[in-house]
PDB file of N, CA and C in Angstrom:
ATOM      1  N   MET A   1      68.168  31.881  37.425  1.00  0.00           N
ATOM      2  CA  MET A   1      66.889  32.466  37.772  1.00  0.00           C
ATOM      3  C   MET A   1      66.643  32.395  39.284  1.00  0.00           C
ATOM      4  N   GLN A   2      67.101  31.289  39.889  1.00  0.00           N
ATOM      5  CA  GLN A   2      66.926  31.133  41.335  1.00  0.00           C
ATOM      6  C   GLN A   2      67.668  32.234  42.090  1.00  0.00           C
ATOM      7  N   ALA A   3      68.865  32.594  41.622  1.00  0.00           N
ATOM      8  CA  ALA A   3      69.634  33.651  42.277  1.00  0.00           C
ATOM      9  C   ALA A   3      68.883  34.975  42.218  1.00  0.00           C
ATOM     10  N   PHE A   4      68.205  35.240  41.105  1.00  0.00           N
ATOM     11  CA  PHE A   4      67.407  36.455  40.959  1.00  0.00           C
ATOM     12  C   PHE A   4      66.336  36.509  42.042  1.00  0.00           C
ATOM     13  N   HIS A   5      65.592  35.410  42.217  1.00  0.00           N
ATOM     14  CA  HIS A   5      64.521  35.380  43.214  1.00  0.00           C
ATOM     15  C   HIS A   5      65.070  35.475  44.631  1.00  0.00           C
ATOM     16  N   THR A   6      66.202  34.832  44.880  1.00  0.00           N
ATOM     17  CA  THR A   6      66.818  34.899  46.205  1.00  0.00           C
ATOM     18  C   THR A   6      67.242  36.323  46.516  1.00  0.00           C
ATOM     19  N   ASP A   7      67.805  37.018  45.540  1.00  0.00           N
ATOM     20  CA  ASP A   7      68.216  38.410  45.722  1.00  0.00           C
ATOM     21  C   ASP A   7      67.000  39.296  46.016  1.00  0.00           C
ATOM     22  N   VAL A   8      65.947  39.132  45.239  1.00  0.00           N
ATOM     23  CA  VAL A   8      64.728  39.918  45.449  1.00  0.00           C
ATOM     24  C   VAL A   8      64.178  39.644  46.842  1.00  0.00           C
ATOM     25  N   ARG A   9      64.099  38.366  47.210  1.00  0.00           N
ATOM     26  CA  ARG A   9      63.577  37.989  48.531  1.00  0.00           C
ATOM     27  C   ARG A   9      64.419  38.598  49.647  1.00  0.00           C
ATOM     28  N   ASP A  10      65.731  38.478  49.551  1.00  0.00           N
ATOM     29  CA  ASP A  10      66.616  39.004  50.594  1.00  0.00           C
ATOM     30  C   ASP A  10      66.458  40.514  50.743  1.00  0.00           C
ATOM     31  N   ARG A  11      66.329  41.219  49.636  1.00  0.00           N
ATOM     32  CA  ARG A  11      66.181  42.673  49.679  1.00  0.00           C
ATOM     33  C   ARG A  11      64.846  43.075  50.305  1.00  0.00           C
ATOM     34  N   ILE A  12      63.787  42.314  50.021  1.00  0.00           N
ATOM     35  CA  ILE A  12      62.474  42.606  50.610  1.00  0.00           C
ATOM     36  C   ILE A  12      62.505  42.316  52.112  1.00  0.00           C
ATOM     37  N   ILE A  13      63.102  41.192  52.504  1.00  0.00           N
ATOM     38  CA  ILE A  13      63.204  40.862  53.934  1.00  0.00           C
ATOM     39  C   ILE A  13      63.968  41.951  54.669  1.00  0.00           C
ATOM     40  N   LYS A  14      65.029  42.454  54.059  1.00  0.00           N
ATOM     41  CA  LYS A  14      65.816  43.529  54.681  1.00  0.00           C
ATOM     42  C   LYS A  14      64.955  44.783  54.879  1.00  0.00           C
ATOM     43  N   LEU A  15      64.136  45.115  53.881  1.00  0.00           N
ATOM     44  CA  LEU A  15      63.241  46.270  54.003  1.00  0.00           C
ATOM     45  C   LEU A  15      62.239  46.061  55.137  1.00  0.00           C
ATOM     46  N   VAL A  16      61.623  44.886  55.193  1.00  0.00           N
ATOM     47  CA  VAL A  16      60.632  44.583  56.232  1.00  0.00           C
ATOM     48  C   VAL A  16      61.276  44.656  57.611  1.00  0.00           C
ATOM     49  N   LYS A  17      62.447  44.043  57.765  1.00  0.00           N
ATOM     50  CA  LYS A  17      63.133  44.060  59.055  1.00  0.00           C
ATOM     51  C   LYS A  17      63.503  45.489  59.469  1.00  0.00           C
ATOM     52  N   GLY A  18      63.890  46.309  58.492  1.00  0.00           N
ATOM     53  CA  GLY A  18      64.225  47.702  58.790  1.00  0.00           C
ATOM     54  C   GLY A  18      63.034  48.461  59.335  1.00  0.00           C
ATOM     55  N   ILE A  19      61.872  48.256  58.748  1.00  0.00           N
ATOM     56  CA  ILE A  19      60.650  48.922  59.223  1.00  0.00           C
ATOM     57  C   ILE A  19      60.281  48.413  60.616  1.00  0.00           C
ATOM     58  N   LEU A  20      60.384  47.104  60.825  1.00  0.00           N
ATOM     59  CA  LEU A  20      60.082  46.545  62.143  1.00  0.00           C
ATOM     60  C   LEU A  20      61.027  47.095  63.206  1.00  0.00           C
ATOM     61  N   GLU A  21      62.305  47.215  62.865  1.00  0.00           N
ATOM     62  CA  GLU A  21      63.289  47.736  63.819  1.00  0.00           C
ATOM     63  C   GLU A  21      63.000  49.189  64.175  1.00  0.00           C
ATOM     64  N   GLN A  22      62.511  49.968  63.206  1.00  0.00           N
ATOM     65  CA  GLN A  22      62.133  51.359  63.497  1.00  0.00           C
ATOM     66  C   GLN A  22      61.018  51.402  64.537  1.00  0.00           C
ATOM     67  N   ASN A  23      60.196  50.367  64.566  1.00  0.00           N
ATOM     68  CA  ASN A  23      59.098  50.266  65.527  1.00  0.00           C
ATOM     69  C   ASN A  23      59.512  49.491  66.780  1.00  0.00           C
ATOM     70  N   SER A  24      60.812  49.255  66.929  1.00  0.00           N
ATOM     71  CA  SER A  24      61.369  48.495  68.056  1.00  0.00           C
ATOM     72  C   SER A  24      60.803  47.081  68.139  1.00  0.00           C
ATOM     73  N   LEU A  25      60.523  46.501  66.980  1.00  0.00           N
ATOM     74  CA  LEU A  25      60.037  45.124  66.927  1.00  0.00           C
ATOM     75  C   LEU A  25      61.110  44.252  66.297  1.00  0.00           C
ATOM     76  N   ILE A  26      61.476  43.208  66.992  1.00  0.00           N
ATOM     77  CA  ILE A  26      62.441  42.252  66.452  1.00  0.00           C
ATOM     78  C   ILE A  26      61.696  40.927  66.309  1.00  0.00           C
ATOM     79  N   THR A  27      61.579  40.458  65.093  1.00  0.00           N
ATOM     80  CA  THR A  27      60.892  39.192  64.847  1.00  0.00           C
ATOM     81  C   THR A  27      61.547  38.495  63.672  1.00  0.00           C
ATOM     82  N   ASP A  28      61.408  37.198  63.623  1.00  0.00           N
ATOM     83  CA  ASP A  28      61.946  36.431  62.518  1.00  0.00           C
ATOM     84  C   ASP A  28      61.028  36.633  61.310  1.00  0.00           C
ATOM     85  N   VAL A  29      61.591  37.039  60.195  1.00  0.00           N
ATOM     86  CA  VAL A  29      60.804  37.265  58.988  1.00  0.00           C
ATOM     87  C   VAL A  29      61.207  36.211  57.960  1.00  0.00           C
ATOM     88  N   THR A  30      60.253  35.357  57.618  1.00  0.00           N
ATOM     89  CA  THR A  30      60.472  34.330  56.610  1.00  0.00           C
ATOM     90  C   THR A  30      59.617  34.673  55.394  1.00  0.00           C
ATOM     91  N   PRO A  31      59.839  34.013  54.269  1.00  0.00           N
ATOM     92  CA  PRO A  31      59.024  34.312  53.086  1.00  0.00           C
ATOM     93  C   PRO A  31      57.520  34.154  53.321  1.00  0.00           C
ATOM     94  N   SER A  32      57.132  33.229  54.195  1.00  0.00           N
ATOM     95  CA  SER A  32      55.695  32.996  54.403  1.00  0.00           C
ATOM     96  C   SER A  32      55.097  33.779  55.564  1.00  0.00           C
ATOM     97  N   THR A  33      55.930  34.529  56.300  1.00  0.00           N
ATOM     98  CA  THR A  33      55.423  35.326  57.414  1.00  0.00           C
ATOM     99  C   THR A  33      54.413  36.342  56.912  1.00  0.00           C
ATOM    100  N   LYS A  34      53.239  36.354  57.524  1.00  0.00           N
ATOM    101  CA  LYS A  34      52.248  37.383  57.176  1.00  0.00           C
ATOM    102  C   LYS A  34      52.748  38.705  57.749  1.00  0.00           C
ATOM    103  N   LEU A  35      52.827  39.721  56.900  1.00  0.00           N
ATOM    104  CA  LEU A  35      53.420  40.992  57.305  1.00  0.00           C
ATOM    105  C   LEU A  35      52.649  41.648  58.441  1.00  0.00           C
ATOM    106  N   VAL A  36      51.332  41.520  58.442  1.00  0.00           N
ATOM    107  CA  VAL A  36      50.524  42.093  59.526  1.00  0.00           C
ATOM    108  C   VAL A  36      50.825  41.360  60.831  1.00  0.00           C
ATOM    109  N   ASP A  37      50.979  40.047  60.751  1.00  0.00           N
ATOM    110  CA  ASP A  37      51.294  39.263  61.948  1.00  0.00           C
ATOM    111  C   ASP A  37      52.682  39.606  62.487  1.00  0.00           C
ATOM    112  N   ALA A  38      53.583  40.009  61.602  1.00  0.00           N
ATOM    113  CA  ALA A  38      54.935  40.392  62.023  1.00  0.00           C
ATOM    114  C   ALA A  38      54.920  41.728  62.764  1.00  0.00           C
ATOM    115  N   GLY A  39      53.848  42.505  62.584  1.00  0.00           N
ATOM    116  CA  GLY A  39      53.728  43.766  63.310  1.00  0.00           C
ATOM    117  C   GLY A  39      53.629  44.995  62.430  1.00  0.00           C
ATOM    118  N   LEU A  40      53.550  44.827  61.113  1.00  0.00           N
ATOM    119  CA  LEU A  40      53.452  45.990  60.230  1.00  0.00           C
ATOM    120  C   LEU A  40      52.043  46.580  60.276  1.00  0.00           C
ATOM    121  N   THR A  41      51.984  47.894  60.452  1.00  0.00           N
ATOM    122  CA  THR A  41      50.712  48.621  60.450  1.00  0.00           C
ATOM    123  C   THR A  41      50.418  49.095  59.032  1.00  0.00           C
ATOM    124  N   SER A  42      49.271  49.725  58.849  1.00  0.00           N
ATOM    125  CA  SER A  42      48.936  50.244  57.519  1.00  0.00           C
ATOM    126  C   SER A  42      49.937  51.315  57.082  1.00  0.00           C
ATOM    127  N   MET A  43      50.394  52.136  58.006  1.00  0.00           N
ATOM    128  CA  MET A  43      51.420  53.140  57.657  1.00  0.00           C
ATOM    129  C   MET A  43      52.741  52.459  57.298  1.00  0.00           C
ATOM    130  N   ASP A  44      53.056  51.386  58.006  1.00  0.00           N
ATOM    131  CA  ASP A  44      54.268  50.623  57.679  1.00  0.00           C
ATOM    132  C   ASP A  44      54.170  50.042  56.276  1.00  0.00           C
ATOM    133  N   MET A  45      52.968  49.618  55.905  1.00  0.00           N
ATOM    134  CA  MET A  45      52.774  49.060  54.554  1.00  0.00           C
ATOM    135  C   MET A  45      53.030  50.123  53.491  1.00  0.00           C
ATOM    136  N   VAL A  46      52.601  51.352  53.759  1.00  0.00           N
ATOM    137  CA  VAL A  46      52.878  52.453  52.827  1.00  0.00           C
ATOM    138  C   VAL A  46      54.390  52.658  52.734  1.00  0.00           C
ATOM    139  N   ASN A  47      55.061  52.658  53.881  1.00  0.00           N
ATOM    140  CA  ASN A  47      56.515  52.809  53.882  1.00  0.00           C
ATOM    141  C   ASN A  47      57.196  51.652  53.163  1.00  0.00           C
ATOM    142  N   LEU A  48      56.658  50.452  53.321  1.00  0.00           N
ATOM    143  CA  LEU A  48      57.209  49.287  52.619  1.00  0.00           C
ATOM    144  C   LEU A  48      57.033  49.443  51.115  1.00  0.00           C
ATOM    145  N   MET A  49      55.863  49.896  50.705  1.00  0.00           N
ATOM    146  CA  MET A  49      55.608  50.112  49.278  1.00  0.00           C
ATOM    147  C   MET A  49      56.611  51.125  48.707  1.00  0.00           C
ATOM    148  N   LEU A  50      56.807  52.231  49.407  1.00  0.00           N
ATOM    149  CA  LEU A  50      57.761  53.244  48.954  1.00  0.00           C
ATOM    150  C   LEU A  50      59.189  52.704  48.977  1.00  0.00           C
ATOM    151  N   GLY A  51      59.496  51.901  49.994  1.00  0.00           N
ATOM    152  CA  GLY A  51      60.821  51.293  50.087  1.00  0.00           C
ATOM    153  C   GLY A  51      61.092  50.336  48.942  1.00  0.00           C
ATOM    154  N   VAL A  52      60.072  49.541  48.580  1.00  0.00           N
ATOM    155  CA  VAL A  52      60.213  48.606  47.456  1.00  0.00           C
ATOM    156  C   VAL A  52      60.436  49.383  46.166  1.00  0.00           C
ATOM    157  N   GLU A  53      59.670  50.452  45.973  1.00  0.00           N
ATOM    158  CA  GLU A  53      59.842  51.258  44.758  1.00  0.00           C
ATOM    159  C   GLU A  53      61.249  51.840  44.680  1.00  0.00           C
ATOM    160  N   ALA A  54      61.765  52.332  45.802  1.00  0.00           N
ATOM    161  CA  ALA A  54      63.113  52.912  45.810  1.00  0.00           C
ATOM    162  C   ALA A  54      64.178  51.826  45.635  1.00  0.00           C
ATOM    163  N   GLU A  55      64.018  50.718  46.327  1.00  0.00           N
ATOM    164  CA  GLU A  55      64.995  49.627  46.285  1.00  0.00           C
ATOM    165  C   GLU A  55      65.136  49.028  44.892  1.00  0.00           C
ATOM    166  N   PHE A  56      64.012  48.869  44.198  1.00  0.00           N
ATOM    167  CA  PHE A  56      64.031  48.200  42.902  1.00  0.00           C
ATOM    168  C   PHE A  56      63.886  49.169  41.731  1.00  0.00           C
ATOM    169  N   ASP A  57      63.794  50.455  42.030  1.00  0.00           N
ATOM    170  CA  ASP A  57      63.779  51.511  41.018  1.00  0.00           C
ATOM    171  C   ASP A  57      62.650  51.351  39.994  1.00  0.00           C
ATOM    172  N   PHE A  58      61.432  51.177  40.483  1.00  0.00           N
ATOM    173  CA  PHE A  58      60.258  51.184  39.615  1.00  0.00           C
ATOM    174  C   PHE A  58      59.060  51.645  40.428  1.00  0.00           C
ATOM    175  N   THR A  59      58.027  52.078  39.731  1.00  0.00           N
ATOM    176  CA  THR A  59      56.796  52.491  40.380  1.00  0.00           C
ATOM    177  C   THR A  59      55.810  51.331  40.326  1.00  0.00           C
ATOM    178  N   ILE A  60      55.285  50.977  41.483  1.00  0.00           N
ATOM    179  CA  ILE A  60      54.301  49.892  41.527  1.00  0.00           C
ATOM    180  C   ILE A  60      53.011  50.403  40.908  1.00  0.00           C
ATOM    181  N   PRO A  61      52.513  49.725  39.866  1.00  0.00           N
ATOM    182  CA  PRO A  61      51.256  50.158  39.250  1.00  0.00           C
ATOM    183  C   PRO A  61      50.113  50.110  40.270  1.00  0.00           C
ATOM    184  N   GLN A  62      49.207  51.059  40.174  1.00  0.00           N
ATOM    185  CA  GLN A  62      48.073  51.137  41.091  1.00  0.00           C
ATOM    186  C   GLN A  62      47.343  49.795  41.187  1.00  0.00           C
ATOM    187  N   SER A  63      47.211  49.109  40.062  1.00  0.00           N
ATOM    188  CA  SER A  63      46.487  47.831  40.033  1.00  0.00           C
ATOM    189  C   SER A  63      47.172  46.740  40.858  1.00  0.00           C
ATOM    190  N   GLU A  64      48.470  46.927  41.155  1.00  0.00           N
ATOM    191  CA  GLU A  64      49.227  45.926  41.921  1.00  0.00           C
ATOM    192  C   GLU A  64      49.290  46.239  43.416  1.00  0.00           C
ATOM    193  N   ILE A  65      48.773  47.406  43.811  1.00  0.00           N
ATOM    194  CA  ILE A  65      48.779  47.776  45.229  1.00  0.00           C
ATOM    195  C   ILE A  65      47.517  47.186  45.856  1.00  0.00           C
ATOM    196  N   THR A  66      47.628  45.890  46.181  1.00  0.00           N
ATOM    197  CA  THR A  66      46.494  45.148  46.720  1.00  0.00           C
ATOM    198  C   THR A  66      46.902  44.449  48.012  1.00  0.00           C
ATOM    199  N   PRO A  67      45.935  44.175  48.875  1.00  0.00           N
ATOM    200  CA  PRO A  67      46.260  43.427  50.103  1.00  0.00           C
ATOM    201  C   PRO A  67      46.905  42.077  49.800  1.00  0.00           C
ATOM    202  N   GLU A  68      46.493  41.440  48.698  1.00  0.00           N
ATOM    203  CA  GLU A  68      47.059  40.138  48.346  1.00  0.00           C
ATOM    204  C   GLU A  68      48.559  40.237  48.057  1.00  0.00           C
ATOM    205  N   ASN A  69      48.979  41.293  47.364  1.00  0.00           N
ATOM    206  CA  ASN A  69      50.397  41.446  47.022  1.00  0.00           C
ATOM    207  C   ASN A  69      51.249  41.827  48.221  1.00  0.00           C
ATOM    208  N   PHE A  70      50.636  42.388  49.255  1.00  0.00           N
ATOM    209  CA  PHE A  70      51.379  42.825  50.442  1.00  0.00           C
ATOM    210  C   PHE A  70      51.071  41.936  51.649  1.00  0.00           C
ATOM    211  N   LYS A  71      50.660  40.696  51.381  1.00  0.00           N
ATOM    212  CA  LYS A  71      50.306  39.763  52.455  1.00  0.00           C
ATOM    213  C   LYS A  71      51.557  39.204  53.139  1.00  0.00           C
ATOM    214  N   SER A  72      52.576  38.854  52.341  1.00  0.00           N
ATOM    215  CA  SER A  72      53.790  38.240  52.884  1.00  0.00           C
ATOM    216  C   SER A  72      54.981  38.618  52.005  1.00  0.00           C
ATOM    217  N   VAL A  73      56.169  38.267  52.463  1.00  0.00           N
ATOM    218  CA  VAL A  73      57.368  38.495  51.650  1.00  0.00           C
ATOM    219  C   VAL A  73      57.220  37.746  50.329  1.00  0.00           C
ATOM    220  N   GLU A  74      56.670  36.537  50.399  1.00  0.00           N
ATOM    221  CA  GLU A  74      56.485  35.699  49.219  1.00  0.00           C
ATOM    222  C   GLU A  74      55.599  36.374  48.167  1.00  0.00           C
ATOM    223  N   THR A  75      54.462  36.903  48.600  1.00  0.00           N
ATOM    224  CA  THR A  75      53.544  37.531  47.641  1.00  0.00           C
ATOM    225  C   THR A  75      54.142  38.818  47.090  1.00  0.00           C
ATOM    226  N   LEU A  76      54.850  39.536  47.935  1.00  0.00           N
ATOM    227  CA  LEU A  76      55.500  40.775  47.487  1.00  0.00           C
ATOM    228  C   LEU A  76      56.622  40.456  46.505  1.00  0.00           C
ATOM    229  N   GLU A  77      57.361  39.401  46.788  1.00  0.00           N
ATOM    230  CA  GLU A  77      58.442  38.969  45.898  1.00  0.00           C
ATOM    231  C   GLU A  77      57.901  38.620  44.511  1.00  0.00           C
ATOM    232  N   ARG A  78      56.786  37.891  44.450  1.00  0.00           N
ATOM    233  CA  ARG A  78      56.189  37.537  43.158  1.00  0.00           C
ATOM    234  C   ARG A  78      55.804  38.781  42.371  1.00  0.00           C
ATOM    235  N   MET A  79      55.186  39.735  43.049  1.00  0.00           N
ATOM    236  CA  MET A  79      54.768  40.966  42.362  1.00  0.00           C
ATOM    237  C   MET A  79      55.991  41.745  41.854  1.00  0.00           C
ATOM    238  N   VAL A  80      57.013  41.880  42.696  1.00  0.00           N
ATOM    239  CA  VAL A  80      58.224  42.610  42.306  1.00  0.00           C
ATOM    240  C   VAL A  80      58.900  41.914  41.119  1.00  0.00           C
ATOM    241  N   ALA A  81      59.040  40.598  41.186  1.00  0.00           N
ATOM    242  CA  ALA A  81      59.688  39.850  40.097  1.00  0.00           C
ATOM    243  C   ALA A  81      58.927  40.044  38.792  1.00  0.00           C
ATOM    244  N   THR A  82      57.607  40.003  38.860  1.00  0.00           N
ATOM    245  CA  THR A  82      56.787  40.209  37.657  1.00  0.00           C
ATOM    246  C   THR A  82      57.007  41.604  37.084  1.00  0.00           C
ATOM    247  N   GLN A  83      57.015  42.615  37.953  1.00  0.00           N
ATOM    248  CA  GLN A  83      57.198  43.990  37.493  1.00  0.00           C
ATOM    249  C   GLN A  83      58.590  44.197  36.898  1.00  0.00           C
ATOM    250  N   LEU A  84      59.601  43.593  37.510  1.00  0.00           N
ATOM    251  CA  LEU A  84      60.966  43.725  36.981  1.00  0.00           C
ATOM    252  C   LEU A  84      61.080  43.056  35.609  1.00  0.00           C
ATOM    253  N   LYS A  85      60.423  41.913  35.439  1.00  0.00           N
ATOM    254  CA  LYS A  85      60.451  41.214  34.142  1.00  0.00           C
ATOM    255  C   LYS A  85      59.744  42.042  33.084  1.00  0.00           C
ATOM    256  N   LEU A  86      58.610  42.637  33.460  1.00  0.00           N
ATOM    257  CA  LEU A  86      57.875  43.484  32.507  1.00  0.00           C
ATOM    258  C   LEU A  86      58.729  44.686  32.107  1.00  0.00           C
ATOM    259  N   ALA A  87      59.426  45.285  33.074  1.00  0.00           N
ATOM    260  CA  ALA A  87      60.265  46.452  32.790  1.00  0.00           C
ATOM    261  C   ALA A  87      61.433  46.058  31.890  1.00  0.00           C
ATOM    262  N   ALA A  88      62.006  44.879  32.134  1.00  0.00           N
ATOM    263  CA  ALA A  88      63.131  44.422  31.319  1.00  0.00           C
ATOM    264  C   ALA A  88      62.694  44.118  29.880  1.00  0.00           C
ATOM    265  N   ALA A  89      61.462  43.671  29.716  1.00  0.00           N
ATOM    266  CA  ALA A  89      60.955  43.315  28.392  1.00  0.00           C
ATOM    267  C   ALA A  89      60.564  44.550  27.568  1.00  0.00           C
ATOM    268  N   ALA A  90      60.326  45.657  28.278  1.00  0.00           N
ATOM    269  CA  ALA A  90      59.872  46.885  27.582  1.00  0.00           C
ATOM    270  C   ALA A  90      60.998  47.562  26.859  1.00  0.00           C
TER     271      ALA A  90
END
C-alpha cells in the first residue's frame, strides 16, 4: 500500500514541477509544500486539475474540486488515492 501512495505522490509532484517549470519557476516541491506558496496561480490550478485527471485517468467529481484538496501535494494525493480506490471498487 505504501508503494501505491509513493507512486501517486511522485506523479503529482512531477505534474506540479512541470507546471512550475512552464512558468520558469524552479522550487523544491515536498508533500507539505503549499501549492500557492510554490507559485501556482489559479490558472495553474486548473491545469493541475486537468493534468491529474489525465495522469490518473479519472474525472475529479465536482464535489472534490475544493481549495482544501488542492492545498498541497499531500491533500491532492489523499483525494486522488480515495478516488482511485472508489473507481477500483466499482
